[in-house]
Amino acid sequence: MFVAISAVENHIASAVDPHFGRCAWFCLLDSIQGTWEFIENPFQHDPGHAGCDAADFLADKGVFMVIAGRFGSMVVERFRELGIQMVIPEPGTYIQRIMQQLNQNER
């Protein structure tokens, strides 16, 4: 099962991107294996529906939680339909900090 985090850059020292659908990268955390990978958001430059397309893309990857600076109303509806939890962290939060917090919660 995966947690997806919208990322400004493709490393764990990156800040969480303030936007979901137009973020440059997604950090996919494997909650079972304890591993992560960065994948480029293939919808970041789409003229319309980038958020919903990105939501479907992540759902297909088995994501159960998404962390981003904000979600558009259509994306919120899509994630609710898909049963995927949305989390909005404090502004300026870094991916490494989220990873630490998720690790502490699993203990």
Protein backbone atom coordinates (compact mmCIF):
# COMPACT_ATOMS: atom_id res chain seq x y z
CA MET A 1 0.00 0.00 0.00
CA PHE A 2 1.31 3.41 -0.94
CA VAL A 3 1.25 6.96 0.33
CA ALA A 4 1.75 9.62 -2.36
CA ILE A 5 3.22 13.04 -1.56
CA SER A 6 3.20 15.90 -4.04
CA ALA A 7 6.79 17.09 -4.35
CA VAL A 8 8.54 20.15 -5.74
CA GLU A 9 11.70 18.14 -6.50
CA ASN A 10 12.62 14.46 -6.76
CA HIS A 11 14.42 13.92 -3.43
CA ILE A 12 13.35 13.53 0.19
CA ALA A 13 14.71 16.96 1.16
CA SER A 14 12.11 18.49 -1.15
CA ALA A 15 9.21 20.54 0.14
CA VAL A 16 5.68 19.27 -0.30
CA ASP A 17 4.27 20.95 -3.40
CA PRO A 18 1.46 23.37 -2.56
CA HIS A 19 -0.56 21.96 -5.49
CA PHE A 20 -1.68 18.42 -6.16
CA GLY A 21 -2.57 18.10 -9.85
CA ARG A 22 0.16 20.37 -11.15
CA CYS A 23 3.03 19.22 -8.93
CA ALA A 24 6.22 18.18 -10.72
CA TRP A 25 6.78 14.93 -8.81
CA PHE A 26 5.06 12.37 -6.63
CA CYS A 27 6.96 10.59 -3.90
CA LEU A 28 5.46 7.12 -3.50
CA LEU A 29 6.12 5.62 -0.09
CA ASP A 30 5.62 1.88 0.24
CA SER A 31 4.22 1.52 3.75
CA ILE A 32 4.92 -2.22 3.85
CA GLN A 33 8.46 -2.34 2.44
CA GLY A 34 9.57 0.99 3.87
CA THR A 35 10.89 2.13 0.50
CA TRP A 36 10.15 5.12 -1.70
CA GLU A 37 10.50 6.28 -5.27
CA PHE A 38 9.86 9.50 -7.14
CA ILE A 39 7.80 9.51 -10.30
CA GLU A 40 7.25 12.50 -12.52
CA ASN A 41 3.67 13.72 -12.66
CA PRO A 42 2.67 12.97 -16.27
CA PHE A 43 -0.30 15.37 -16.00
CA GLN A 44 1.43 18.48 -14.64
CA HIS A 45 1.16 20.34 -17.97
CA ASP A 46 -2.29 19.13 -19.05
CA PRO A 47 -4.56 22.04 -19.97
CA GLY A 48 -7.55 20.59 -18.10
CA HIS A 49 -8.42 17.93 -15.52
CA ALA A 50 -4.80 17.43 -14.47
CA GLY A 51 -5.88 16.79 -10.88
CA CYS A 52 -8.49 14.14 -11.68
CA ASP A 53 -6.15 12.42 -14.15
CA ALA A 54 -3.38 12.41 -11.51
CA ALA A 55 -5.85 11.05 -8.94
CA ASP A 56 -6.76 8.13 -11.22
CA PHE A 57 -3.08 7.56 -12.00
CA LEU A 58 -2.23 7.25 -8.29
CA ALA A 59 -5.26 5.09 -7.57
CA ASP A 60 -4.03 2.67 -10.25
CA LYS A 61 -0.73 2.47 -8.35
CA GLY A 62 -2.49 1.36 -5.14
CA VAL A 63 -2.28 4.65 -3.22
CA PHE A 64 -4.47 4.82 -0.10
CA MET A 65 -3.39 8.29 1.10
CA VAL A 66 -2.26 11.46 -0.69
CA ILE A 67 -0.46 14.38 0.94
CA ALA A 68 -0.41 17.76 -0.82
CA GLY A 69 -0.62 21.47 -0.07
CA ARG A 70 -4.14 21.68 -1.46
CA PHE A 71 -6.67 19.76 -3.53
CA GLY A 72 -9.18 21.18 -6.00
CA SER A 73 -12.87 20.49 -5.47
CA MET A 74 -13.08 18.01 -8.37
CA VAL A 75 -10.07 16.12 -7.01
CA VAL A 76 -11.63 15.98 -3.55
CA GLU A 77 -14.75 14.41 -5.07
CA ARG A 78 -12.67 11.93 -7.08
CA PHE A 79 -10.62 10.84 -4.06
CA ARG A 80 -13.79 10.43 -1.99
CA GLU A 81 -15.25 8.22 -4.73
CA LEU A 82 -12.04 6.18 -4.76
CA GLY A 83 -11.82 5.94 -0.95
CA ILE A 84 -8.41 7.63 -0.84
CA GLN A 85 -7.55 9.76 2.19
CA MET A 86 -6.30 13.32 1.64
CA VAL A 87 -3.94 15.11 4.05
CA ILE A 88 -2.88 18.77 3.94
CA PRO A 89 0.31 19.38 5.97
CA GLU A 90 1.53 22.65 7.43
CA PRO A 91 2.92 25.00 4.75
CA GLY A 92 6.67 24.52 4.24
CA THR A 93 6.67 20.85 5.29
CA TYR A 94 9.39 18.67 3.83
CA ILE A 95 8.98 15.11 2.59
CA GLN A 96 11.65 13.76 4.92
CA ARG A 97 9.66 15.09 7.92
CA ILE A 98 6.48 13.40 6.68
CA MET A 99 8.39 10.14 6.29
CA GLN A 100 9.58 10.42 9.90
CA GLN A 101 6.05 11.13 11.14
CA LEU A 102 4.58 8.19 9.21
CA ASN A 103 7.32 5.94 10.61
CA GLN A 104 6.50 7.02 14.18
CA ASN A 105 2.79 6.40 13.62
CA GLU A 106 3.41 2.82 12.49
CA ARG A 107 5.17 1.91 15.73
